[in-house]
Amino acid sequence: QVQLVESGGGLVQPGESLRLSCAASGRIGYINAMGWYRQAPGKQRELVATITNGAITNYTESVKGRFSVSRDYAKNTVYLEMNSLKPEDTAVYYCKIVIGTIVRRTYWGQGTQVTVSS
């Protein structure tokens, strides 16, 4: 089994920064990709940022230039650096990991709340 432990959420004011972390443990094997999704109240879960094993990154348009996703391969950890936060960034942020090559398995973290408010 694979466990994902997220940390770093909280309440901040507009324009401030937060850093989210997600550490994977257990029977991991080959990590294909790691990333972050978010879900605001009344909305569907959406992709925020992903990073592949080859360090190729992908961002949703609304966070480009403000958010940065990175990985620590030795620690099986993915980070999301969030700068210039806006109220519309308020959501529960979920970590996602895709494991395997031919047969792929997906795991989700429990979610961490990010609230941007003055």
Protein backbone atom coordinates (compact mmCIF):
# COMPACT_ATOMS: atom_id res chain seq x y z
CA GLN A 1 0.00 0.00 0.00
CA VAL A 2 1.05 3.60 -0.59
CA GLN A 3 0.50 6.48 1.81
CA LEU A 4 0.61 10.18 0.98
CA VAL A 5 1.03 12.72 3.76
CA GLU A 6 0.39 16.35 2.92
CA SER A 7 1.35 19.41 4.91
CA GLY A 8 1.71 23.17 4.60
CA GLY A 9 -1.81 24.46 4.15
CA GLY A 10 -3.22 27.34 6.13
CA LEU A 11 -4.77 30.79 6.16
CA VAL A 12 -2.91 33.62 4.46
CA GLN A 13 -3.66 37.09 3.15
CA PRO A 14 -3.76 37.95 -0.56
CA GLY A 15 -0.28 38.37 -1.98
CA GLU A 16 1.34 36.07 0.55
CA SER A 17 2.99 32.69 -0.05
CA LEU A 18 2.62 29.09 1.08
CA ARG A 19 4.55 25.91 0.42
CA LEU A 20 2.77 22.56 0.30
CA SER A 21 4.56 19.24 0.73
CA CYS A 22 3.45 15.70 -0.01
CA ALA A 23 5.55 12.73 1.03
CA ALA A 24 4.90 9.26 -0.36
CA SER A 25 5.77 6.09 1.54
CA GLY A 26 5.11 2.37 1.34
CA ARG A 27 5.40 0.06 -1.68
CA ILE A 28 6.06 2.82 -4.17
CA GLY A 29 8.21 1.39 -6.94
CA TYR A 30 8.49 3.54 -10.04
CA ILE A 31 6.86 6.96 -9.74
CA ASN A 32 5.51 8.04 -13.09
CA ALA A 33 4.26 11.44 -12.03
CA MET A 34 3.32 13.50 -8.99
CA GLY A 35 1.15 16.54 -8.77
CA TRP A 36 -1.39 18.75 -7.11
CA TYR A 37 -5.09 19.23 -7.68
CA ARG A 38 -7.56 21.46 -5.89
CA GLN A 39 -11.26 21.60 -5.20
CA ALA A 40 -13.09 24.75 -4.20
CA PRO A 41 -16.57 24.63 -2.61
CA GLY A 42 -19.20 23.84 -5.22
CA LYS A 43 -16.64 23.21 -7.94
CA GLN A 44 -15.05 20.17 -9.52
CA ARG A 45 -11.55 19.08 -8.65
CA GLU A 46 -9.06 20.62 -11.07
CA LEU A 47 -5.43 20.13 -11.97
CA VAL A 48 -3.05 22.70 -10.50
CA ALA A 49 0.40 21.40 -11.40
CA THR A 50 2.10 18.13 -12.23
CA ILE A 51 5.67 16.95 -12.66
CA THR A 52 6.76 13.77 -14.40
CA ASN A 53 9.65 11.48 -13.60
CA GLY A 54 11.58 13.34 -16.27
CA ALA A 55 10.87 16.66 -14.52
CA ILE A 56 8.44 17.87 -17.17
CA THR A 57 5.99 20.25 -15.54
CA ASN A 58 2.47 21.27 -16.41
CA TYR A 59 0.38 24.06 -14.86
CA THR A 60 -3.15 25.23 -15.13
CA GLU A 61 -3.26 28.65 -16.77
CA SER A 62 -4.46 30.54 -13.71
CA VAL A 63 -1.36 29.68 -11.65
CA LYS A 64 1.36 30.05 -14.28
CA GLY A 65 4.05 32.45 -13.11
CA ARG A 66 2.87 32.24 -9.48
CA PHE A 67 3.11 28.55 -8.55
CA SER A 68 6.04 26.19 -8.92
CA VAL A 69 6.00 22.39 -8.59
CA SER A 70 9.14 20.42 -7.75
CA ARG A 71 10.21 16.96 -6.59
CA ASP A 72 12.76 15.48 -4.24
CA TYR A 73 13.40 12.09 -5.81
CA ALA A 74 15.34 10.74 -2.83
CA LYS A 75 12.51 11.58 -0.43
CA ASN A 76 9.62 10.70 -2.77
CA THR A 77 8.24 14.12 -2.02
CA VAL A 78 6.53 16.69 -4.21
CA TYR A 79 6.27 20.38 -3.35
CA LEU A 80 4.05 23.22 -4.48
CA GLU A 81 5.42 26.69 -3.95
CA MET A 82 2.55 29.17 -4.14
CA ASN A 83 3.31 32.88 -4.44
CA SER A 84 1.12 35.93 -4.92
CA LEU A 85 -1.85 34.01 -3.61
CA LYS A 86 -5.31 35.24 -4.52
CA PRO A 87 -8.70 34.63 -2.87
CA GLU A 88 -9.66 32.47 -5.86
CA ASP A 89 -6.85 30.08 -4.92
CA THR A 90 -8.85 29.11 -1.84
CA ALA A 91 -9.53 25.37 -1.99
CA VAL A 92 -8.63 22.00 -0.60
CA TYR A 93 -5.40 20.94 -2.26
CA TYR A 94 -4.84 17.25 -2.97
CA CYS A 95 -1.61 15.47 -3.79
CA LYS A 96 -1.71 12.79 -6.48
CA ILE A 97 0.86 10.14 -7.39
CA VAL A 98 0.88 7.80 -10.38
CA ILE A 99 2.97 4.67 -9.93
CA GLY A 100 4.08 2.05 -12.38
CA THR A 101 4.93 1.76 -16.04
CA ILE A 102 2.77 -0.73 -17.95
CA VAL A 103 0.19 -1.04 -15.17
CA ARG A 104 -0.33 2.30 -13.47
CA ARG A 105 -1.93 2.95 -10.09
CA THR A 106 -3.11 6.30 -8.78
CA TYR A 107 -3.15 7.40 -5.16
CA TRP A 108 -4.49 10.57 -3.55
CA GLY A 109 -3.60 12.39 -0.38
CA GLN A 110 -6.15 13.38 2.22
CA GLY A 111 -6.14 17.04 1.22
CA THR A 112 -4.96 20.21 2.91
CA GLN A 113 -6.97 23.43 3.18
CA VAL A 114 -5.59 26.63 1.70
CA THR A 115 -7.55 29.78 2.49
CA VAL A 116 -6.62 33.17 1.07
CA SER A 117 -8.52 35.98 2.74
CA SER A 118 -7.97 39.45 4.13
